[in-house]
Amino acid sequence: MRPLRRLILAAATVAGVLLLGTLLEELAPGDALTDLALSPHLSVAARAQLRERYGLDQPAAIRLGRWLAGTLKGDLGFSIAYQRPVGELIWPRWKRTALVGALAFLLAWGTALPLAAAAALAPGSFWRRALMWLDRIALSVPTLALAPLVIAAVLSLGWNPLRAGSAALLLSALVLGAVEGSHALPPLTQAIQAGLSRPFVRAARARGRLWPGVLVHALRAESPKLSSLAALAVAHLLTGAVVVEAAFGYPGLGLLALEAVVARDPHLLVATLGVVASTVVGANLAADGAVLWLAPPASER
């Protein structure tokens, strides 16, 4: 029953995000065709015809219901701003953002895990205190401020990262990885400390097992918690992608979401929100499955 309950909760979460996004769009003044109302070359009848064509004359609830019905058939709707099917826009952008997120995750955890292990092995040392203070300083610098700082630093070297797609990719991953690494370091340190305190891990240390093997035991003991932290990192990376992709001009899902908000493009906006919410929920479901699979036996808890 628990897996079924989790699936129902996941579906309800995605539906709630879609409803909230639609409600906020409805509360905002104007719509995707507001600018056309200022055009003297477009008659009132023509504007009304366009609103009917794109379904903007219908209540928001009906538009959302029709969009949901279309998604069951694989149709994500039509983008007014791009004049293209939304599916042709969403999936290439999602792949680019997934690439940025994967690189940022590897950078963040590839750096944070060794630092967390070193801090957990020396809880009262000057190294541990210095590392925690540096991490607090890093946490105080938001993504919104870090991305422009990186751009300024790169431009000072005479190199414009906005003209090269690979540069935008790497710099986006660098900024996201730095921010996520600072978020991940404290809980990773606590998880490794908790793993080192497990009886079977202490027994391995008493038998003279080398520290690399002890750390592997500790990480295995805390693998359910690490899985949950990894799922949380997915949410951090997706939300941070909106900032870094806009800052570096990287054509990913985050930048597309920002463009959808600015253009008040209803189908593009709700589809972007749905894909982001589904990705985060899917990561959490995968983490739940990993927790059940990786949980240590009762004798080791």
C-alpha atoms as a PDB file:
ATOM      1  CA  MET A   1       0.000   0.000   0.000  1.00  0.00           C
ATOM      2  CA  ARG A   2       2.875   2.350   0.737  1.00  0.00           C
ATOM      3  CA  PRO A   3       4.151   2.465  -2.894  1.00  0.00           C
ATOM      4  CA  LEU A   4       0.613   3.163  -4.113  1.00  0.00           C
ATOM      5  CA  ARG A   5       0.235   5.930  -1.543  1.00  0.00           C
ATOM      6  CA  ARG A   6       3.538   7.438  -2.660  1.00  0.00           C
ATOM      7  CA  LEU A   7       2.438   7.390  -6.309  1.00  0.00           C
ATOM      8  CA  ILE A   8      -0.857   9.067  -5.434  1.00  0.00           C
ATOM      9  CA  LEU A   9       0.987  11.701  -3.411  1.00  0.00           C
ATOM     10  CA  ALA A  10       3.417  12.261  -6.298  1.00  0.00           C
ATOM     11  CA  ALA A  11       0.564  12.740  -8.770  1.00  0.00           C
ATOM     12  CA  ALA A  12      -1.182  15.113  -6.361  1.00  0.00           C
ATOM     13  CA  THR A  13       2.031  17.126  -5.977  1.00  0.00           C
ATOM     14  CA  VAL A  14       2.421  17.589  -9.727  1.00  0.00           C
ATOM     15  CA  ALA A  15      -1.269  18.492 -10.045  1.00  0.00           C
ATOM     16  CA  GLY A  16      -0.912  21.023  -7.229  1.00  0.00           C
ATOM     17  CA  VAL A  17       2.054  22.679  -8.946  1.00  0.00           C
ATOM     18  CA  LEU A  18       0.090  22.925 -12.195  1.00  0.00           C
ATOM     19  CA  LEU A  19      -2.954  24.383 -10.445  1.00  0.00           C
ATOM     20  CA  LEU A  20      -0.837  26.914  -8.568  1.00  0.00           C
ATOM     21  CA  GLY A  21       0.995  27.964 -11.729  1.00  0.00           C
ATOM     22  CA  THR A  22      -2.279  28.363 -13.614  1.00  0.00           C
ATOM     23  CA  LEU A  23      -3.804  30.362 -10.771  1.00  0.00           C
ATOM     24  CA  LEU A  24      -0.837  32.736 -10.575  1.00  0.00           C
ATOM     25  CA  GLU A  25      -0.930  33.237 -14.323  1.00  0.00           C
ATOM     26  CA  GLU A  26      -4.655  33.992 -14.151  1.00  0.00           C
ATOM     27  CA  LEU A  27      -4.179  36.525 -11.350  1.00  0.00           C
ATOM     28  CA  ALA A  28      -1.503  38.428 -13.265  1.00  0.00           C
ATOM     29  CA  PRO A  29      -2.848  41.260 -15.459  1.00  0.00           C
ATOM     30  CA  GLY A  30      -3.065  40.677 -19.206  1.00  0.00           C
ATOM     31  CA  ASP A  31      -2.267  37.558 -21.205  1.00  0.00           C
ATOM     32  CA  ALA A  32      -0.126  36.408 -24.122  1.00  0.00           C
ATOM     33  CA  LEU A  33      -2.031  38.645 -26.569  1.00  0.00           C
ATOM     34  CA  THR A  34      -2.082  41.805 -24.458  1.00  0.00           C
ATOM     35  CA  ASP A  35       0.523  43.571 -26.580  1.00  0.00           C
ATOM     36  CA  LEU A  36      -1.536  42.936 -29.715  1.00  0.00           C
ATOM     37  CA  ALA A  37      -4.345  45.017 -28.216  1.00  0.00           C
ATOM     38  CA  LEU A  38      -2.131  48.080 -28.642  1.00  0.00           C
ATOM     39  CA  SER A  39      -1.652  47.475 -32.363  1.00  0.00           C
ATOM     40  CA  PRO A  40      -3.713  49.861 -34.530  1.00  0.00           C
ATOM     41  CA  HIS A  41      -3.475  47.407 -37.439  1.00  0.00           C
ATOM     42  CA  LEU A  42      -5.447  44.689 -35.670  1.00  0.00           C
ATOM     43  CA  SER A  43      -9.209  45.009 -35.408  1.00  0.00           C
ATOM     44  CA  VAL A  44     -11.236  44.081 -32.345  1.00  0.00           C
ATOM     45  CA  ALA A  45     -12.760  41.168 -34.272  1.00  0.00           C
ATOM     46  CA  ALA A  46      -9.320  39.889 -35.260  1.00  0.00           C
ATOM     47  CA  ARG A  47      -8.111  40.061 -31.661  1.00  0.00           C
ATOM     48  CA  ALA A  48     -11.210  38.192 -30.497  1.00  0.00           C
ATOM     49  CA  GLN A  49     -10.609  35.557 -33.158  1.00  0.00           C
ATOM     50  CA  LEU A  50      -7.031  35.071 -31.970  1.00  0.00           C
ATOM     51  CA  ARG A  51      -8.154  34.741 -28.366  1.00  0.00           C
ATOM     52  CA  GLU A  52     -10.658  32.092 -29.393  1.00  0.00           C
ATOM     53  CA  ARG A  53      -8.052  30.309 -31.528  1.00  0.00           C
ATOM     54  CA  TYR A  54      -5.629  29.983 -28.627  1.00  0.00           C
ATOM     55  CA  GLY A  55      -8.332  29.265 -26.041  1.00  0.00           C
ATOM     56  CA  LEU A  56      -7.676  32.461 -24.073  1.00  0.00           C
ATOM     57  CA  ASP A  57     -11.381  33.233 -24.052  1.00  0.00           C
ATOM     58  CA  GLN A  58     -11.994  30.196 -21.818  1.00  0.00           C
ATOM     59  CA  PRO A  59     -11.655  30.112 -18.007  1.00  0.00           C
ATOM     60  CA  ALA A  60      -8.314  28.960 -16.654  1.00  0.00           C
ATOM     61  CA  ALA A  61      -9.792  25.737 -15.229  1.00  0.00           C
ATOM     62  CA  ILE A  62     -11.141  24.696 -18.616  1.00  0.00           C
ATOM     63  CA  ARG A  63      -7.823  25.510 -20.322  1.00  0.00           C
ATOM     64  CA  LEU A  64      -5.923  23.426 -17.769  1.00  0.00           C
ATOM     65  CA  GLY A  65      -8.367  20.540 -18.116  1.00  0.00           C
ATOM     66  CA  ARG A  66      -8.024  20.546 -21.909  1.00  0.00           C
ATOM     67  CA  TRP A  67      -4.248  20.695 -21.598  1.00  0.00           C
ATOM     68  CA  LEU A  68      -4.232  17.723 -19.209  1.00  0.00           C
ATOM     69  CA  ALA A  69      -6.464  15.772 -21.571  1.00  0.00           C
ATOM     70  CA  GLY A  70      -4.071  16.544 -24.403  1.00  0.00           C
ATOM     71  CA  THR A  71      -1.033  15.375 -22.417  1.00  0.00           C
ATOM     72  CA  LEU A  72      -2.626  11.943 -22.055  1.00  0.00           C
ATOM     73  CA  LYS A  73      -2.436  11.770 -25.854  1.00  0.00           C
ATOM     74  CA  GLY A  74       1.143  13.059 -25.936  1.00  0.00           C
ATOM     75  CA  ASP A  75       0.172  16.606 -26.922  1.00  0.00           C
ATOM     76  CA  LEU A  76       1.688  19.309 -24.686  1.00  0.00           C
ATOM     77  CA  GLY A  77      -0.099  22.121 -26.504  1.00  0.00           C
ATOM     78  CA  PHE A  78       0.991  24.946 -28.774  1.00  0.00           C
ATOM     79  CA  SER A  79       3.328  27.817 -27.899  1.00  0.00           C
ATOM     80  CA  ILE A  80       1.946  31.230 -28.826  1.00  0.00           C
ATOM     81  CA  ALA A  81       5.335  32.915 -28.466  1.00  0.00           C
ATOM     82  CA  TYR A  82       7.296  30.384 -30.540  1.00  0.00           C
ATOM     83  CA  GLN A  83       4.438  29.326 -32.859  1.00  0.00           C
ATOM     84  CA  ARG A  84       5.516  25.720 -32.456  1.00  0.00           C
ATOM     85  CA  PRO A  85       4.273  22.651 -30.580  1.00  0.00           C
ATOM     86  CA  VAL A  86       5.433  22.800 -26.978  1.00  0.00           C
ATOM     87  CA  GLY A  87       6.850  19.270 -27.112  1.00  0.00           C
ATOM     88  CA  GLU A  88       9.380  20.348 -29.737  1.00  0.00           C
ATOM     89  CA  LEU A  89      10.606  23.028 -27.319  1.00  0.00           C
ATOM     90  CA  ILE A  90      10.503  21.208 -24.001  1.00  0.00           C
ATOM     91  CA  TRP A  91      12.453  17.991 -24.558  1.00  0.00           C
ATOM     92  CA  PRO A  92      15.624  19.410 -26.190  1.00  0.00           C
ATOM     93  CA  ARG A  93      15.780  22.032 -23.448  1.00  0.00           C
ATOM     94  CA  TRP A  94      15.212  19.398 -20.741  1.00  0.00           C
ATOM     95  CA  LYS A  95      18.133  17.359 -22.069  1.00  0.00           C
ATOM     96  CA  ARG A  96      20.423  20.385 -21.935  1.00  0.00           C
ATOM     97  CA  THR A  97      19.405  21.207 -18.375  1.00  0.00           C
ATOM     98  CA  ALA A  98      19.806  17.544 -17.400  1.00  0.00           C
ATOM     99  CA  LEU A  99      23.369  17.686 -18.738  1.00  0.00           C
ATOM    100  CA  VAL A 100      24.114  20.832 -16.726  1.00  0.00           C
ATOM    101  CA  GLY A 101      22.548  19.272 -13.641  1.00  0.00           C
ATOM    102  CA  ALA A 102      24.527  16.046 -14.011  1.00  0.00           C
ATOM    103  CA  LEU A 103      27.824  17.924 -14.361  1.00  0.00           C
ATOM    104  CA  ALA A 104      26.946  20.190 -11.417  1.00  0.00           C
ATOM    105  CA  PHE A 105      25.990  17.186  -9.278  1.00  0.00           C
ATOM    106  CA  LEU A 106      29.256  15.393 -10.034  1.00  0.00           C
ATOM    107  CA  LEU A 107      31.205  18.547  -9.240  1.00  0.00           C
ATOM    108  CA  ALA A 108      29.261  19.246  -6.028  1.00  0.00           C
ATOM    109  CA  TRP A 109      29.304  15.769  -4.547  1.00  0.00           C
ATOM    110  CA  GLY A 110      32.719  14.900  -5.941  1.00  0.00           C
ATOM    111  CA  THR A 111      34.062  17.825  -3.910  1.00  0.00           C
ATOM    112  CA  ALA A 112      31.737  17.726  -0.889  1.00  0.00           C
ATOM    113  CA  LEU A 113      32.053  13.995  -0.135  1.00  0.00           C
ATOM    114  CA  PRO A 114      35.853  13.983   0.421  1.00  0.00           C
ATOM    115  CA  LEU A 115      35.630  17.214   2.430  1.00  0.00           C
ATOM    116  CA  ALA A 116      32.747  15.813   4.499  1.00  0.00           C
ATOM    117  CA  ALA A 117      34.670  12.596   5.145  1.00  0.00           C
ATOM    118  CA  ALA A 118      37.730  14.551   6.267  1.00  0.00           C
ATOM    119  CA  ALA A 119      35.590  16.722   8.554  1.00  0.00           C
ATOM    120  CA  ALA A 120      33.746  13.714  10.009  1.00  0.00           C
ATOM    121  CA  LEU A 121      36.996  11.910  10.794  1.00  0.00           C
ATOM    122  CA  ALA A 122      38.291  14.921  12.744  1.00  0.00           C
ATOM    123  CA  PRO A 123      35.207  16.401  14.484  1.00  0.00           C
ATOM    124  CA  GLY A 124      37.079  18.627  16.927  1.00  0.00           C
ATOM    125  CA  SER A 125      39.952  19.740  14.746  1.00  0.00           C
ATOM    126  CA  PHE A 126      40.802  23.185  13.472  1.00  0.00           C
ATOM    127  CA  TRP A 127      40.295  21.798   9.927  1.00  0.00           C
ATOM    128  CA  ARG A 128      36.694  20.898  10.732  1.00  0.00           C
ATOM    129  CA  ARG A 129      35.929  24.322  12.216  1.00  0.00           C
ATOM    130  CA  ALA A 130      37.628  26.162   9.339  1.00  0.00           C
ATOM    131  CA  LEU A 131      35.742  24.067   6.780  1.00  0.00           C
ATOM    132  CA  MET A 132      32.389  24.752   8.405  1.00  0.00           C
ATOM    133  CA  TRP A 133      33.074  28.497   8.498  1.00  0.00           C
ATOM    134  CA  LEU A 134      34.080  28.509   4.836  1.00  0.00           C
ATOM    135  CA  ASP A 135      30.894  26.601   4.035  1.00  0.00           C
ATOM    136  CA  ARG A 136      28.787  29.187   5.880  1.00  0.00           C
ATOM    137  CA  ILE A 137      30.438  31.939   3.880  1.00  0.00           C
ATOM    138  CA  ALA A 138      29.683  30.056   0.647  1.00  0.00           C
ATOM    139  CA  LEU A 139      26.055  29.570   1.703  1.00  0.00           C
ATOM    140  CA  SER A 140      25.688  33.305   2.248  1.00  0.00           C
ATOM    141  CA  VAL A 141      26.408  33.971  -1.453  1.00  0.00           C
ATOM    142  CA  PRO A 142      23.196  33.185  -3.393  1.00  0.00           C
ATOM    143  CA  THR A 143      23.156  31.825  -6.929  1.00  0.00           C
ATOM    144  CA  LEU A 144      21.638  35.100  -8.089  1.00  0.00           C
ATOM    145  CA  ALA A 145      24.812  36.927  -6.994  1.00  0.00           C
ATOM    146  CA  LEU A 146      27.387  34.239  -7.792  1.00  0.00           C
ATOM    147  CA  ALA A 147      26.538  33.944 -11.501  1.00  0.00           C
ATOM    148  CA  PRO A 148      27.137  37.665 -12.299  1.00  0.00           C
ATOM    149  CA  LEU A 149      30.368  37.541 -10.277  1.00  0.00           C
ATOM    150  CA  VAL A 150      31.620  34.647 -12.387  1.00  0.00           C
ATOM    151  CA  ILE A 151      30.640  36.476 -15.595  1.00  0.00           C
ATOM    152  CA  ALA A 152      32.504  39.582 -14.445  1.00  0.00           C
ATOM    153  CA  ALA A 153      35.583  37.538 -13.587  1.00  0.00           C
ATOM    154  CA  VAL A 154      35.596  35.788 -16.968  1.00  0.00           C
ATOM    155  CA  LEU A 155      34.989  39.020 -18.879  1.00  0.00           C
ATOM    156  CA  SER A 156      37.914  40.612 -17.058  1.00  0.00           C
ATOM    157  CA  LEU A 157      40.113  38.002 -18.714  1.00  0.00           C
ATOM    158  CA  GLY A 158      38.940  39.157 -22.143  1.00  0.00           C
ATOM    159  CA  TRP A 159      36.731  36.130 -22.810  1.00  0.00           C
ATOM    160  CA  ASN A 160      32.997  36.425 -23.447  1.00  0.00           C
ATOM    161  CA  PRO A 161      31.296  33.199 -22.238  1.00  0.00           C
ATOM    162  CA  LEU A 162      27.951  34.267 -23.717  1.00  0.00           C
ATOM    163  CA  ARG A 163      29.256  33.644 -27.249  1.00  0.00           C
ATOM    164  CA  ALA A 164      30.220  30.011 -26.733  1.00  0.00           C
ATOM    165  CA  GLY A 165      27.708  27.288 -25.952  1.00  0.00           C
ATOM    166  CA  SER A 166      30.275  25.005 -24.323  1.00  0.00           C
ATOM    167  CA  ALA A 167      31.499  27.859 -22.118  1.00  0.00           C
ATOM    168  CA  ALA A 168      27.939  28.619 -20.996  1.00  0.00           C
ATOM    169  CA  LEU A 169      27.458  24.925 -20.235  1.00  0.00           C
ATOM    170  CA  LEU A 170      30.622  24.626 -18.147  1.00  0.00           C
ATOM    171  CA  LEU A 171      30.142  27.906 -16.291  1.00  0.00           C
ATOM    172  CA  SER A 172      26.501  27.061 -15.515  1.00  0.00           C
ATOM    173  CA  ALA A 173      27.604  23.690 -14.123  1.00  0.00           C
ATOM    174  CA  LEU A 174      30.404  25.373 -12.155  1.00  0.00           C
ATOM    175  CA  VAL A 175      28.092  27.884 -10.457  1.00  0.00           C
ATOM    176  CA  LEU A 176      25.376  25.312  -9.745  1.00  0.00           C
ATOM    177  CA  GLY A 177      27.969  22.833  -8.479  1.00  0.00           C
ATOM    178  CA  ALA A 178      29.528  25.396  -6.140  1.00  0.00           C
ATOM    179  CA  VAL A 179      26.158  26.340  -4.668  1.00  0.00           C
ATOM    180  CA  GLU A 180      24.957  22.745  -4.344  1.00  0.00           C
ATOM    181  CA  GLY A 181      28.281  21.659  -2.837  1.00  0.00           C
ATOM    182  CA  SER A 182      27.917  24.239  -0.074  1.00  0.00           C
ATOM    183  CA  HIS A 183      24.355  23.021   0.573  1.00  0.00           C
ATOM    184  CA  ALA A 184      25.380  19.363   0.612  1.00  0.00           C
ATOM    185  CA  LEU A 185      28.487  19.590   2.809  1.00  0.00           C
ATOM    186  CA  PRO A 186      26.830  19.907   6.284  1.00  0.00           C
ATOM    187  CA  PRO A 187      24.292  17.059   5.863  1.00  0.00           C
ATOM    188  CA  LEU A 188      26.914  14.843   4.222  1.00  0.00           C
ATOM    189  CA  THR A 189      29.243  15.445   7.161  1.00  0.00           C
ATOM    190  CA  GLN A 190      26.470  14.560   9.604  1.00  0.00           C
ATOM    191  CA  ALA A 191      25.571  11.438   7.616  1.00  0.00           C
ATOM    192  CA  ILE A 192      29.170  10.179   7.582  1.00  0.00           C
ATOM    193  CA  GLN A 193      29.525  10.898  11.300  1.00  0.00           C
ATOM    194  CA  ALA A 194      26.352   8.915  11.966  1.00  0.00           C
ATOM    195  CA  GLY A 195      27.698   6.061   9.844  1.00  0.00           C
ATOM    196  CA  LEU A 196      31.003   6.038  11.713  1.00  0.00           C
ATOM    197  CA  SER A 197      29.123   5.685  15.006  1.00  0.00           C
ATOM    198  CA  ARG A 198      27.344   2.492  13.895  1.00  0.00           C
ATOM    199  CA  PRO A 199      28.402  -0.563  15.955  1.00  0.00           C
ATOM    200  CA  PHE A 200      29.543  -2.656  12.991  1.00  0.00           C
ATOM    201  CA  VAL A 201      31.595   0.275  11.632  1.00  0.00           C
ATOM    202  CA  ARG A 202      33.286   0.761  15.012  1.00  0.00           C
ATOM    203  CA  ALA A 203      33.936  -2.970  15.111  1.00  0.00           C
ATOM    204  CA  ALA A 204      35.621  -2.742  11.714  1.00  0.00           C
ATOM    205  CA  ARG A 205      37.811   0.083  13.015  1.00  0.00           C
ATOM    206  CA  ALA A 206      38.679  -1.976  16.113  1.00  0.00           C
ATOM    207  CA  ARG A 207      39.753  -4.894  13.896  1.00  0.00           C
ATOM    208  CA  GLY A 208      42.273  -2.590  12.233  1.00  0.00           C
ATOM    209  CA  ARG A 209      40.492  -2.012   8.939  1.00  0.00           C
ATOM    210  CA  LEU A 210      42.005   0.868   6.978  1.00  0.00           C
ATOM    211  CA  TRP A 211      40.119   4.177   6.826  1.00  0.00           C
ATOM    212  CA  PRO A 212      39.022   3.834   3.182  1.00  0.00           C
ATOM    213  CA  GLY A 213      37.268   0.581   4.027  1.00  0.00           C
ATOM    214  CA  VAL A 214      35.746   2.104   7.173  1.00  0.00           C
ATOM    215  CA  LEU A 215      34.371   5.019   5.155  1.00  0.00           C
ATOM    216  CA  VAL A 216      32.848   2.629   2.626  1.00  0.00           C
ATOM    217  CA  HIS A 217      31.065   0.856   5.507  1.00  0.00           C
ATOM    218  CA  ALA A 218      29.865   4.190   6.909  1.00  0.00           C
ATOM    219  CA  LEU A 219      28.568   5.352   3.537  1.00  0.00           C
ATOM    220  CA  ARG A 220      26.795   2.051   3.001  1.00  0.00           C
ATOM    221  CA  ALA A 221      25.138   2.308   6.400  1.00  0.00           C
ATOM    222  CA  GLU A 222      23.866   5.802   5.561  1.00  0.00           C
ATOM    223  CA  SER A 223      23.002   5.085   1.914  1.00  0.00           C
ATOM    224  CA  PRO A 224      19.245   5.666   2.460  1.00  0.00           C
ATOM    225  CA  LYS A 225      19.957   9.149   3.837  1.00  0.00           C
ATOM    226  CA  LEU A 226      22.412   9.827   1.003  1.00  0.00           C
ATOM    227  CA  SER A 227      19.727   8.838  -1.514  1.00  0.00           C
ATOM    228  CA  SER A 228      17.318  11.355   0.015  1.00  0.00           C
ATOM    229  CA  LEU A 229      19.998  14.056  -0.095  1.00  0.00           C
ATOM    230  CA  ALA A 230      20.632  13.277  -3.762  1.00  0.00           C
ATOM    231  CA  ALA A 231      16.907  13.681  -4.530  1.00  0.00           C
ATOM    232  CA  LEU A 232      16.922  17.014  -2.709  1.00  0.00           C
ATOM    233  CA  ALA A 233      19.894  18.083  -4.820  1.00  0.00           C
ATOM    234  CA  VAL A 234      17.820  17.550  -7.976  1.00  0.00           C
ATOM    235  CA  ALA A 235      15.285  20.111  -6.730  1.00  0.00           C
ATOM    236  CA  HIS A 236      18.075  22.573  -5.875  1.00  0.00           C
ATOM    237  CA  LEU A 237      19.705  22.179  -9.281  1.00  0.00           C
ATOM    238  CA  LEU A 238      16.462  22.621 -11.217  1.00  0.00           C
ATOM    239  CA  THR A 239      15.487  25.779  -9.368  1.00  0.00           C
ATOM    240  CA  GLY A 240      19.009  27.154  -9.647  1.00  0.00           C
ATOM    241  CA  ALA A 241      19.025  26.432 -13.382  1.00  0.00           C
ATOM    242  CA  VAL A 242      16.565  29.286 -13.946  1.00  0.00           C
ATOM    243  CA  VAL A 243      19.124  31.766 -12.616  1.00  0.00           C
ATOM    244  CA  VAL A 244      22.331  30.434 -14.154  1.00  0.00           C
ATOM    245  CA  GLU A 245      20.849  29.681 -17.572  1.00  0.00           C
ATOM    246  CA  ALA A 246      19.428  33.179 -17.778  1.00  0.00           C
ATOM    247  CA  ALA A 247      22.751  34.662 -16.623  1.00  0.00           C
ATOM    248  CA  PHE A 248      24.922  32.706 -19.066  1.00  0.00           C
ATOM    249  CA  GLY A 249      22.401  32.550 -21.909  1.00  0.00           C
ATOM    250  CA  TYR A 250      22.390  28.754 -21.859  1.00  0.00           C
ATOM    251  CA  PRO A 251      19.365  27.426 -23.800  1.00  0.00           C
ATOM    252  CA  GLY A 252      18.031  25.005 -21.212  1.00  0.00           C
ATOM    253  CA  LEU A 253      14.739  24.363 -19.473  1.00  0.00           C
ATOM    254  CA  GLY A 254      15.360  27.064 -16.885  1.00  0.00           C
ATOM    255  CA  LEU A 255      15.739  29.766 -19.503  1.00  0.00           C
ATOM    256  CA  LEU A 256      12.684  28.423 -21.344  1.00  0.00           C
ATOM    257  CA  ALA A 257      10.638  28.644 -18.136  1.00  0.00           C
ATOM    258  CA  LEU A 258      11.695  32.260 -17.686  1.00  0.00           C
ATOM    259  CA  GLU A 259      10.762  33.042 -21.291  1.00  0.00           C
ATOM    260  CA  ALA A 260       7.368  31.389 -20.794  1.00  0.00           C
ATOM    261  CA  VAL A 261       6.673  33.567 -17.752  1.00  0.00           C
ATOM    262  CA  VAL A 262       7.714  36.771 -19.531  1.00  0.00           C
ATOM    263  CA  ALA A 263       5.687  35.941 -22.653  1.00  0.00           C
ATOM    264  CA  ARG A 264       2.666  34.744 -20.620  1.00  0.00           C
ATOM    265  CA  ASP A 265       2.609  31.698 -22.903  1.00  0.00           C
ATOM    266  CA  PRO A 266      -0.004  29.470 -21.179  1.00  0.00           C
ATOM    267  CA  HIS A 267       0.757  26.054 -22.666  1.00  0.00           C
ATOM    268  CA  LEU A 268       4.509  26.570 -22.560  1.00  0.00           C
ATOM    269  CA  LEU A 269       4.350  27.781 -18.962  1.00  0.00           C
ATOM    270  CA  VAL A 270       2.196  24.957 -17.631  1.00  0.00           C
ATOM    271  CA  ALA A 271       4.188  22.344 -19.575  1.00  0.00           C
ATOM    272  CA  THR A 272       7.468  23.662 -18.188  1.00  0.00           C
ATOM    273  CA  LEU A 273       6.103  23.626 -14.653  1.00  0.00           C
ATOM    274  CA  GLY A 274       4.783  20.115 -15.191  1.00  0.00           C
ATOM    275  CA  VAL A 275       8.104  18.794 -16.483  1.00  0.00           C
ATOM    276  CA  VAL A 276      10.063  20.405 -13.634  1.00  0.00           C
ATOM    277  CA  ALA A 277       7.633  19.107 -11.007  1.00  0.00           C
ATOM    278  CA  SER A 278       7.611  15.629 -12.574  1.00  0.00           C
ATOM    279  CA  THR A 279      11.421  15.538 -12.613  1.00  0.00           C
ATOM    280  CA  VAL A 280      11.647  16.485  -8.933  1.00  0.00           C
ATOM    281  CA  VAL A 281       8.903  14.036  -7.953  1.00  0.00           C
ATOM    282  CA  GLY A 282      10.510  11.305 -10.064  1.00  0.00           C
ATOM    283  CA  ALA A 283      13.838  11.878  -8.312  1.00  0.00           C
ATOM    284  CA  ASN A 284      12.116  11.531  -4.938  1.00  0.00           C
ATOM    285  CA  LEU A 285      10.388   8.325  -6.005  1.00  0.00           C
ATOM    286  CA  ALA A 286      13.724   6.957  -7.203  1.00  0.00           C
ATOM    287  CA  ALA A 287      15.247   7.920  -3.842  1.00  0.00           C
ATOM    288  CA  ASP A 288      12.443   6.073  -2.034  1.00  0.00           C
ATOM    289  CA  GLY A 289      13.170   2.983  -4.102  1.00  0.00           C
ATOM    290  CA  ALA A 290      16.883   3.314  -3.399  1.00  0.00           C
ATOM    291  CA  VAL A 291      16.179   3.612   0.342  1.00  0.00           C
ATOM    292  CA  LEU A 292      14.321   0.296   0.312  1.00  0.00           C
ATOM    293  CA  TRP A 293      16.996  -1.377  -1.783  1.00  0.00           C
ATOM    294  CA  LEU A 294      20.041   0.025   0.011  1.00  0.00           C
ATOM    295  CA  ALA A 295      18.762  -0.146   3.579  1.00  0.00           C
ATOM    296  CA  PRO A 296      21.204  -2.199   5.698  1.00  0.00           C
ATOM    297  CA  PRO A 297      19.951  -5.374   7.380  1.00  0.00           C
ATOM    298  CA  ALA A 298      18.428  -5.108  10.841  1.00  0.00           C
ATOM    299  CA  SER A 299      21.609  -6.458  12.438  1.00  0.00           C
ATOM    300  CA  GLU A 300      23.543  -3.438  11.166  1.00  0.00           C
ATOM    301  CA  ARG A 301      21.073  -0.701  12.168  1.00  0.00           C
END
